Each structure stands twice: as structure tokens, then as C-alpha cells.
PDB file of N, CA and C in Angstrom:
ATOM      1  N   PRO A   1     -34.724 -25.260  30.877  1.00  0.00           N
ATOM      2  CA  PRO A   1     -35.494 -24.791  31.799  1.00  0.00           C
ATOM      3  C   PRO A   1     -33.498 -24.030  32.690  1.00  0.00           C
ATOM      4  N   GLU A   2     -33.777 -22.814  33.472  1.00  0.00           N
ATOM      5  CA  GLU A   2     -32.280 -23.174  33.488  1.00  0.00           C
ATOM      6  C   GLU A   2     -32.164 -23.582  34.265  1.00  0.00           C
ATOM      7  N   GLY A   3     -30.970 -23.763  34.388  1.00  0.00           N
ATOM      8  CA  GLY A   3     -30.545 -24.601  35.304  1.00  0.00           C
ATOM      9  C   GLY A   3     -30.206 -25.938  34.852  1.00  0.00           C
ATOM     10  N   SER A   4     -30.297 -26.701  33.270  1.00  0.00           N
ATOM     11  CA  SER A   4     -30.472 -27.480  32.352  1.00  0.00           C
ATOM     12  C   SER A   4     -30.153 -27.252  31.412  1.00  0.00           C
ATOM     13  N   PHE A   5     -28.836 -28.304  30.792  1.00  0.00           N
ATOM     14  CA  PHE A   5     -29.050 -27.921  29.364  1.00  0.00           C
ATOM     15  C   PHE A   5     -29.465 -29.232  27.887  1.00  0.00           C
ATOM     16  N   CYS A   6     -28.731 -29.228  27.677  1.00  0.00           N
ATOM     17  CA  CYS A   6     -29.513 -30.693  26.377  1.00  0.00           C
ATOM     18  C   CYS A   6     -28.550 -31.173  26.025  1.00  0.00           C
ATOM     19  N   LYS A   7     -28.414 -32.846  26.462  1.00  0.00           N
ATOM     20  CA  LYS A   7     -27.372 -33.732  26.229  1.00  0.00           C
ATOM     21  C   LYS A   7     -27.541 -34.583  25.046  1.00  0.00           C
ATOM     22  N   TYR A   8     -27.024 -33.591  23.905  1.00  0.00           N
ATOM     23  CA  TYR A   8     -26.643 -34.666  23.414  1.00  0.00           C
ATOM     24  C   TYR A   8     -26.061 -36.503  22.801  1.00  0.00           C
ATOM     25  N   THR A   9     -26.585 -37.018  22.233  1.00  0.00           N
ATOM     26  CA  THR A   9     -25.718 -38.099  22.349  1.00  0.00           C
ATOM     27  C   THR A   9     -24.993 -38.127  21.838  1.00  0.00           C
ATOM     28  N   ASP A  10     -23.720 -39.017  22.035  1.00  0.00           N
ATOM     29  CA  ASP A  10     -22.622 -38.317  22.051  1.00  0.00           C
ATOM     30  C   ASP A  10     -21.385 -38.032  20.904  1.00  0.00           C
ATOM     31  N   GLY A  11     -21.057 -37.803  20.306  1.00  0.00           N
ATOM     32  CA  GLY A  11     -20.971 -37.981  18.577  1.00  0.00           C
ATOM     33  C   GLY A  11     -21.235 -37.245  17.939  1.00  0.00           C
ATOM     34  N   THR A  12     -22.970 -36.363  18.097  1.00  0.00           N
ATOM     35  CA  THR A  12     -23.656 -36.141  17.058  1.00  0.00           C
ATOM     36  C   THR A  12     -23.864 -34.864  17.718  1.00  0.00           C
ATOM     37  N   CYS A  13     -24.005 -34.422  18.670  1.00  0.00           N
ATOM     38  CA  CYS A  13     -23.593 -32.623  19.201  1.00  0.00           C
ATOM     39  C   CYS A  13     -25.256 -31.909  18.168  1.00  0.00           C
ATOM     40  N   GLY A  14     -25.559 -32.342  18.178  1.00  0.00           N
ATOM     41  CA  GLY A  14     -27.282 -31.851  17.829  1.00  0.00           C
ATOM     42  C   GLY A  14     -27.159 -31.566  15.991  1.00  0.00           C
ATOM     43  N   SER A  15     -25.987 -31.978  15.488  1.00  0.00           N
ATOM     44  CA  SER A  15     -26.463 -32.549  13.883  1.00  0.00           C
ATOM     45  C   SER A  15     -27.483 -32.913  12.965  1.00  0.00           C
ATOM     46  N   GLY A  16     -27.732 -31.794  12.294  1.00  0.00           N
ATOM     47  CA  GLY A  16     -28.749 -33.312  11.212  1.00  0.00           C
ATOM     48  C   GLY A  16     -30.425 -32.241  12.187  1.00  0.00           C
ATOM     49  N   ASP A  17     -31.518 -32.943  12.374  1.00  0.00           N
ATOM     50  CA  ASP A  17     -32.270 -33.416  13.339  1.00  0.00           C
ATOM     51  C   ASP A  17     -32.359 -33.720  14.345  1.00  0.00           C
ATOM     52  N   GLN A  18     -30.800 -33.916  15.476  1.00  0.00           N
ATOM     53  CA  GLN A  18     -31.233 -34.729  16.726  1.00  0.00           C
ATOM     54  C   GLN A  18     -31.470 -34.854  17.471  1.00  0.00           C
ATOM     55  N   SER A  19     -32.041 -34.912  18.442  1.00  0.00           N
ATOM     56  CA  SER A  19     -32.677 -34.600  19.376  1.00  0.00           C
ATOM     57  C   SER A  19     -31.992 -35.208  20.787  1.00  0.00           C
ATOM     58  N   GLY A  20     -31.283 -33.976  21.569  1.00  0.00           N
ATOM     59  CA  GLY A  20     -31.519 -34.177  23.619  1.00  0.00           C
ATOM     60  C   GLY A  20     -32.393 -34.350  23.680  1.00  0.00           C
ATOM     61  N   VAL A  21     -31.607 -34.594  25.310  1.00  0.00           N
ATOM     62  CA  VAL A  21     -32.237 -34.458  27.003  1.00  0.00           C
ATOM     63  C   VAL A  21     -32.121 -33.495  27.442  1.00  0.00           C
ATOM     64  N   CYS A  22     -33.317 -32.962  28.178  1.00  0.00           N
ATOM     65  CA  CYS A  22     -32.713 -31.919  28.801  1.00  0.00           C
ATOM     66  C   CYS A  22     -32.660 -32.577  29.845  1.00  0.00           C
ATOM     67  N   LYS A  23     -31.387 -32.282  31.017  1.00  0.00           N
ATOM     68  CA  LYS A  23     -30.142 -32.753  31.787  1.00  0.00           C
ATOM     69  C   LYS A  23     -30.005 -31.597  33.456  1.00  0.00           C
ATOM     70  N   PRO A  24     -30.635 -31.519  33.808  1.00  0.00           N
ATOM     71  CA  PRO A  24     -29.702 -30.526  35.163  1.00  0.00           C
ATOM     72  C   PRO A  24     -27.753 -30.824  35.245  1.00  0.00           C
ATOM     73  N   ILE A  25     -27.743 -29.611  35.228  1.00  0.00           N
ATOM     74  CA  ILE A  25     -26.403 -29.130  34.805  1.00  0.00           C
ATOM     75  C   ILE A  25     -24.774 -29.364  36.623  1.00  0.00           C
ATOM     76  N   PRO A  26     -24.631 -30.075  36.468  1.00  0.00           N
ATOM     77  CA  PRO A  26     -23.616 -30.523  37.594  1.00  0.00           C
ATOM     78  C   PRO A  26     -23.885 -29.373  38.601  1.00  0.00           C
ATOM     79  N   THR A  27     -23.272 -29.742  40.052  1.00  0.00           N
ATOM     80  CA  THR A  27     -23.263 -28.444  40.479  1.00  0.00           C
ATOM     81  C   THR A  27     -21.179 -28.905  40.701  1.00  0.00           C
ATOM     82  N   ALA A  28     -20.405 -29.752  40.705  1.00  0.00           N
ATOM     83  CA  ALA A  28     -19.416 -30.592  41.983  1.00  0.00           C
ATOM     84  C   ALA A  28     -19.638 -31.775  40.661  1.00  0.00           C
ATOM     85  N   CYS A  29     -18.248 -31.533  40.198  1.00  0.00           N
ATOM     86  CA  CYS A  29     -17.747 -33.280  40.048  1.00  0.00           C
ATOM     87  C   CYS A  29     -16.598 -33.563  40.868  1.00  0.00           C
ATOM     88  N   GLY A  30     -15.813 -34.586  40.926  1.00  0.00           N
ATOM     89  CA  GLY A  30     -14.802 -35.937  40.930  1.00  0.00           C
ATOM     90  C   GLY A  30     -13.682 -35.950  40.475  1.00  0.00           C
ATOM     91  N   GLU A  31     -12.218 -35.593  40.545  1.00  0.00           N
ATOM     92  CA  GLU A  31     -11.473 -35.587  40.030  1.00  0.00           C
ATOM     93  C   GLU A  31     -10.317 -36.231  39.367  1.00  0.00           C
ATOM     94  N   ILE A  32     -11.382 -37.597  38.767  1.00  0.00           N
ATOM     95  CA  ILE A  32     -11.198 -38.525  38.152  1.00  0.00           C
ATOM     96  C   ILE A  32     -10.941 -37.782  36.526  1.00  0.00           C
ATOM     97  N   SER A  33      -9.247 -37.974  35.916  1.00  0.00           N
ATOM     98  CA  SER A  33      -8.669 -37.789  34.669  1.00  0.00           C
ATOM     99  C   SER A  33      -9.544 -38.287  33.823  1.00  0.00           C
ATOM    100  N   SER A  34     -10.299 -38.172  32.878  1.00  0.00           N
ATOM    101  CA  SER A  34     -10.658 -39.118  31.389  1.00  0.00           C
ATOM    102  C   SER A  34     -11.385 -38.338  30.637  1.00  0.00           C
ATOM    103  N   PRO A  35     -10.228 -37.306  29.961  1.00  0.00           N
ATOM    104  CA  PRO A  35     -10.034 -36.310  28.855  1.00  0.00           C
ATOM    105  C   PRO A  35     -11.354 -37.043  27.480  1.00  0.00           C
ATOM    106  N   VAL A  36     -12.419 -35.391  27.513  1.00  0.00           N
ATOM    107  CA  VAL A  36     -13.262 -35.282  26.828  1.00  0.00           C
ATOM    108  C   VAL A  36     -12.971 -34.367  25.111  1.00  0.00           C
ATOM    109  N   CYS A  37     -13.689 -34.839  24.485  1.00  0.00           N
ATOM    110  CA  CYS A  37     -14.305 -33.806  23.849  1.00  0.00           C
ATOM    111  C   CYS A  37     -15.145 -32.705  23.842  1.00  0.00           C
ATOM    112  N   GLY A  38     -15.539 -31.647  23.422  1.00  0.00           N
ATOM    113  CA  GLY A  38     -17.217 -30.944  23.802  1.00  0.00           C
ATOM    114  C   GLY A  38     -17.123 -30.625  22.705  1.00  0.00           C
ATOM    115  N   CYS A  39     -18.461 -30.256  22.218  1.00  0.00           N
ATOM    116  CA  CYS A  39     -19.341 -30.684  21.332  1.00  0.00           C
ATOM    117  C   CYS A  39     -19.169 -29.056  20.426  1.00  0.00           C
ATOM    118  N   ASP A  40     -18.328 -28.261  21.976  1.00  0.00           N
ATOM    119  CA  ASP A  40     -17.768 -26.850  21.727  1.00  0.00           C
ATOM    120  C   ASP A  40     -16.105 -25.987  20.651  1.00  0.00           C
ATOM    121  N   GLY A  41     -15.530 -27.384  20.792  1.00  0.00           N
ATOM    122  CA  GLY A  41     -13.835 -27.579  20.702  1.00  0.00           C
ATOM    123  C   GLY A  41     -13.265 -28.162  21.614  1.00  0.00           C
ATOM    124  N   ASN A  42     -13.971 -27.405  22.673  1.00  0.00           N
ATOM    125  CA  ASN A  42     -12.919 -27.349  23.889  1.00  0.00           C
ATOM    126  C   ASN A  42     -12.542 -28.779  24.871  1.00  0.00           C
ATOM    127  N   THR A  43     -11.445 -29.514  25.332  1.00  0.00           N
ATOM    128  CA  THR A  43     -11.501 -30.307  25.696  1.00  0.00           C
ATOM    129  C   THR A  43     -11.588 -30.300  27.276  1.00  0.00           C
ATOM    130  N   TYR A  44     -11.801 -31.280  27.726  1.00  0.00           N
ATOM    131  CA  TYR A  44     -12.952 -31.039  29.615  1.00  0.00           C
ATOM    132  C   TYR A  44     -11.665 -32.285  29.657  1.00  0.00           C
ATOM    133  N   SER A  45     -12.252 -32.141  31.639  1.00  0.00           N
ATOM    134  CA  SER A  45     -11.247 -33.258  32.546  1.00  0.00           C
ATOM    135  C   SER A  45     -12.316 -34.839  32.596  1.00  0.00           C
ATOM    136  N   ASN A  46     -13.053 -34.766  32.435  1.00  0.00           N
ATOM    137  CA  ASN A  46     -14.100 -35.383  32.073  1.00  0.00           C
ATOM    138  C   ASN A  46     -16.049 -35.013  31.739  1.00  0.00           C
ATOM    139  N   GLU A  47     -16.328 -36.213  31.236  1.00  0.00           N
ATOM    140  CA  GLU A  47     -17.398 -35.706  31.521  1.00  0.00           C
ATOM    141  C   GLU A  47     -18.596 -34.997  32.185  1.00  0.00           C
ATOM    142  N   CYS A  48     -18.394 -34.673  33.283  1.00  0.00           N
ATOM    143  CA  CYS A  48     -19.531 -33.620  34.400  1.00  0.00           C
ATOM    144  C   CYS A  48     -18.265 -32.761  34.150  1.00  0.00           C
ATOM    145  N   GLU A  49     -17.632 -32.114  33.830  1.00  0.00           N
ATOM    146  CA  GLU A  49     -16.923 -31.514  33.446  1.00  0.00           C
ATOM    147  C   GLU A  49     -16.936 -30.572  32.686  1.00  0.00           C
ATOM    148  N   ALA A  50     -17.554 -31.154  31.592  1.00  0.00           N
ATOM    149  CA  ALA A  50     -17.935 -30.990  30.517  1.00  0.00           C
ATOM    150  C   ALA A  50     -20.303 -30.283  29.921  1.00  0.00           C
ATOM    151  N   GLU A  51     -19.918 -31.729  31.383  1.00  0.00           N
ATOM    152  CA  GLU A  51     -21.633 -30.869  31.689  1.00  0.00           C
ATOM    153  C   GLU A  51     -21.762 -29.855  32.507  1.00  0.00           C
ATOM    154  N   ARG A  52     -20.888 -29.721  33.699  1.00  0.00           N
ATOM    155  CA  ARG A  52     -21.089 -28.084  33.871  1.00  0.00           C
ATOM    156  C   ARG A  52     -21.383 -26.884  33.000  1.00  0.00           C
ATOM    157  N   ALA A  53     -20.252 -27.806  32.050  1.00  0.00           N
ATOM    158  CA  ALA A  53     -19.664 -25.917  31.194  1.00  0.00           C
ATOM    159  C   ALA A  53     -21.236 -26.188  29.883  1.00  0.00           C
ATOM    160  N   GLY A  54     -21.727 -27.187  30.342  1.00  0.00           N
ATOM    161  CA  GLY A  54     -23.319 -27.006  29.398  1.00  0.00           C
ATOM    162  C   GLY A  54     -23.311 -27.747  28.044  1.00  0.00           C
ATOM    163  N   VAL A  55     -22.391 -28.463  27.982  1.00  0.00           N
ATOM    164  CA  VAL A  55     -21.728 -28.876  26.523  1.00  0.00           C
ATOM    165  C   VAL A  55     -21.687 -30.524  26.711  1.00  0.00           C
ATOM    166  N   SER A  56     -22.236 -31.129  25.267  1.00  0.00           N
ATOM    167  CA  SER A  56     -22.351 -32.425  25.188  1.00  0.00           C
ATOM    168  C   SER A  56     -20.610 -32.606  24.706  1.00  0.00           C
ATOM    169  N   ILE A  57     -20.455 -34.054  24.634  1.00  0.00           N
ATOM    170  CA  ILE A  57     -19.665 -35.104  23.947  1.00  0.00           C
ATOM    171  C   ILE A  57     -19.411 -35.342  22.063  1.00  0.00           C
ATOM    172  N   GLN A  58     -18.648 -34.441  21.990  1.00  0.00           N
ATOM    173  CA  GLN A  58     -18.549 -34.673  20.739  1.00  0.00           C
ATOM    174  C   GLN A  58     -17.625 -36.353  21.333  1.00  0.00           C
ATOM    175  N   THR A  59     -16.321 -36.451  21.342  1.00  0.00           N
ATOM    176  CA  THR A  59     -15.257 -37.644  21.080  1.00  0.00           C
ATOM    177  C   THR A  59     -14.616 -37.663  22.592  1.00  0.00           C
ATOM    178  N   THR A  60     -14.447 -39.117  22.835  1.00  0.00           N
ATOM    179  CA  THR A  60     -13.327 -39.170  24.079  1.00  0.00           C
ATOM    180  C   THR A  60     -11.889 -39.081  23.700  1.00  0.00           C
ATOM    181  N   GLY A  61     -11.765 -38.808  24.921  1.00  0.00           N
ATOM    182  CA  GLY A  61      -9.760 -37.985  24.237  1.00  0.00           C
ATOM    183  C   GLY A  61      -9.867 -36.210  24.611  1.00  0.00           C
ATOM    184  N   GLU A  62      -8.677 -35.685  24.208  1.00  0.00           N
ATOM    185  CA  GLU A  62      -8.719 -34.088  23.921  1.00  0.00           C
ATOM    186  C   GLU A  62      -9.150 -33.985  22.828  1.00  0.00           C
ATOM    187  N   CYS A  63      -9.634 -32.467  22.861  1.00  0.00           N
ATOM    188  CA  CYS A  63      -9.562 -31.992  20.870  1.00  0.00           C
ATOM    189  C   CYS A  63      -8.536 -32.076  20.198  1.00  0.00           C
ATOM    190  N   PRO A  64      -8.403 -32.552  19.046  1.00  0.00           N
ATOM    191  CA  PRO A  64      -7.407 -31.924  18.275  1.00  0.00           C
ATOM    192  C   PRO A  64      -6.825 -30.609  18.350  1.00  0.00           C
TER     193      PRO A  64
END
């Protein structure tokens, strides 16, 4: 539904027949710096920022 995204288990990015869980897109995030690599190949400052972009987490740390 609008205002939500499909959150996949970290590292799967929905590959194969993996199913996700609908989660609401956060409207605000804290300033905590804990970089994650999103399934879209972009680095986000933390998991919440990735979720604000509607993206699940591929790995912790910056994308290569």
C-alpha cells in the first residue's frame, strides 16, 4: 500500500522466491551514523534512512 515498502530479510534483497513484510516508510530518522548498503546499490547513513527511501538492506557497511 501507499506509504509502505516491502522489507526483505537482510542480505536477500528479494532474490529467488523470498517474500518480504510490508512496513510503513519512516517519516523521520535519527542522526546515528551506521552505514548500510541498500539493495539498490546505494549507501545510506543508517537502516532508517534506507527504509525512508523504500529500500531493504543488502549488507552492513558502505557499498563497494
